[in-house]
Protein backbone atom coordinates (compact mmCIF):
# COMPACT_ATOMS: atom_id res chain seq x y z
CA MET A 1 -0.18 0.05 -0.23
CA ARG A 2 2.79 2.39 0.75
CA GLY A 3 3.73 4.52 -2.21
CA LYS A 4 0.84 3.32 -3.96
CA TYR A 5 -1.74 6.21 -3.00
CA LYS A 6 -1.59 9.88 -1.47
CA PHE A 7 -1.63 10.19 2.16
CA ARG A 8 -5.02 12.20 1.94
CA GLU A 9 -6.56 9.76 -0.96
CA PRO A 10 -10.07 8.40 0.02
CA LEU A 11 -9.10 4.45 -0.49
CA GLY A 12 -13.02 4.17 -1.30
CA ILE A 13 -15.97 6.05 -0.37
CA ASP A 14 -19.55 4.37 1.40
CA GLU A 15 -23.24 5.33 0.06
CA ARG A 16 -23.01 8.14 2.93
CA GLY A 17 -19.95 9.82 1.31
CA CYS A 18 -18.23 8.86 4.21
CA TYR A 19 -14.48 7.40 3.65
CA ILE A 20 -11.21 6.83 5.09
CA THR A 21 -7.88 7.75 3.71
CA ALA A 22 -4.57 6.15 2.36
CA GLY A 23 -2.87 7.87 5.56
CA GLN A 24 -5.40 6.45 7.86
CA LEU A 25 -5.69 2.97 7.22
CA GLN A 26 -1.86 2.71 6.98
CA PHE A 27 -1.83 4.00 10.58
CA PHE A 28 -4.34 1.53 11.61
CA LEU A 29 -2.97 -1.66 9.55
CA ASN A 30 0.34 -0.64 11.52
CA ARG A 31 -0.98 -1.26 15.21
CA PRO A 32 -0.52 -4.39 16.62
CA LYS A 33 -3.02 -7.24 15.08
CA GLY A 34 -4.11 -4.43 12.53
CA LYS A 35 -3.98 -6.26 9.53
CA ILE A 36 -6.35 -9.10 10.80
CA ARG A 37 -8.42 -6.49 12.64
CA PHE A 38 -8.79 -5.06 9.32
CA LYS A 39 -9.52 -8.14 7.57
CA THR A 40 -12.34 -9.31 9.71
CA PHE A 41 -13.94 -5.84 10.42
CA HIS A 42 -13.08 -6.17 13.79
CA SER A 43 -15.16 -4.06 16.06
CA GLU A 44 -12.03 -2.12 16.82
CA PHE A 45 -11.64 -1.22 13.37
CA LYS A 46 -15.16 0.01 13.13
CA LYS A 47 -14.85 2.22 15.80
CA TYR A 48 -11.44 3.71 14.30
CA TYR A 49 -13.67 4.01 11.00
CA LEU A 50 -16.22 5.67 12.38
CA THR A 51 -13.71 8.25 14.08
CA CYS A 52 -12.25 8.38 10.61
CA CYS A 53 -15.13 9.38 8.89
CA MET A 54 -16.54 11.95 11.20
CA TYR A 55 -12.98 13.16 10.92
CA ASN A 56 -12.69 13.87 7.32
CA ILE A 57 -16.22 15.24 6.89
CA VAL A 58 -15.07 18.02 9.19
CA TYR A 59 -11.73 18.18 7.76
CA ASP A 60 -13.70 18.34 4.27
CA MET A 61 -16.19 21.08 5.46
CA LEU A 62 -12.84 23.21 6.96
CA GLU A 63 -11.40 23.30 3.38
CA ILE A 64 -14.80 24.92 2.09
CA ASP A 65 -15.39 26.80 4.94
CA PRO A 66 -12.50 27.99 7.13
CA ASP A 67 -15.27 29.26 10.12
CA CYS A 68 -17.56 26.26 10.31
CA ALA A 69 -15.76 24.48 13.06
CA THR A 70 -12.33 24.69 15.04
CA MET A 71 -10.44 21.35 15.13
CA TYR A 72 -7.65 21.87 17.65
CA TRP A 73 -5.02 19.64 19.72
CA ASP A 74 -6.41 19.38 22.90
CA THR A 75 -3.52 18.83 25.46
CA GLU A 76 -5.72 17.19 28.22
CA LYS A 77 -7.27 14.41 26.24
CA GLU A 78 -4.27 14.15 23.99
CA CYS A 79 -6.17 13.92 20.88
CA VAL A 80 -7.63 16.54 18.50
CA SER A 81 -10.47 17.49 19.19
CA VAL A 82 -13.36 19.84 16.93
CA SER A 83 -16.06 22.34 18.67
CA PHE A 84 -18.76 23.79 16.13
CA ARG A 85 -22.17 24.93 16.81
CA VAL A 86 -24.99 22.29 17.42
CA ASP A 87 -27.19 23.92 15.17
CA GLY A 88 -24.65 24.26 12.78
CA LYS A 89 -23.59 22.77 9.26
CA VAL A 90 -21.20 20.30 11.06
CA ALA A 91 -23.70 18.90 13.05
CA LYS A 92 -26.18 18.68 10.09
CA ALA A 93 -23.22 16.84 8.20
CA LEU A 94 -22.46 14.67 11.24
CA SER A 95 -25.97 13.29 11.77
CA VAL A 96 -25.81 11.40 8.52
CA ILE A 97 -23.64 8.65 10.13
CA ASN A 98 -25.71 6.28 11.93
CA THR A 99 -23.47 4.42 14.11
CA SER A 100 -26.23 1.13 14.20
CA PHE A 101 -24.28 0.72 10.80
CA PHE A 102 -21.46 -0.15 12.48
CA ASP A 103 -22.90 -2.75 15.15
CA ASP A 104 -21.40 -5.94 15.47
CA ASN A 105 -24.07 -7.97 13.34
CA SER A 106 -22.12 -5.54 10.49
CA ASP A 107 -19.18 -8.05 9.92
CA GLU A 108 -19.70 -8.28 6.39
CA GLU A 109 -19.77 -4.56 5.38
CA SER A 110 -16.99 -3.33 3.47
CA PHE A 111 -17.33 0.37 4.32
CA GLY A 112 -16.78 1.19 0.24
CA LEU A 113 -13.19 -0.46 0.59
CA SER A 114 -12.16 -3.08 -1.90
CA TYR A 115 -9.02 -5.43 -1.17
């Protein structure tokens, strides 16, 4: 996979327009048991995929409208955090992600990825 894709290149876009990038997937694959957890659509991968989808929605929206949200490093939580209006366009865009799609019964879902 290395060298084949650009870091921010989507590896497949699902029916809702959500995606994971090449860099994000490579980061997951580098984890202990990452490759097997990706191939088996383990719950750890599903959670990671959902996080990436939300991040990418906000990232893409910020490229179009830098004032729609604020993405920052939270020093207390030691992670990337986002703030936005609860009645704004980012909140509406994130509402398209149906978390029930990621329940433990969706083992055969490919998330728009092909391998």
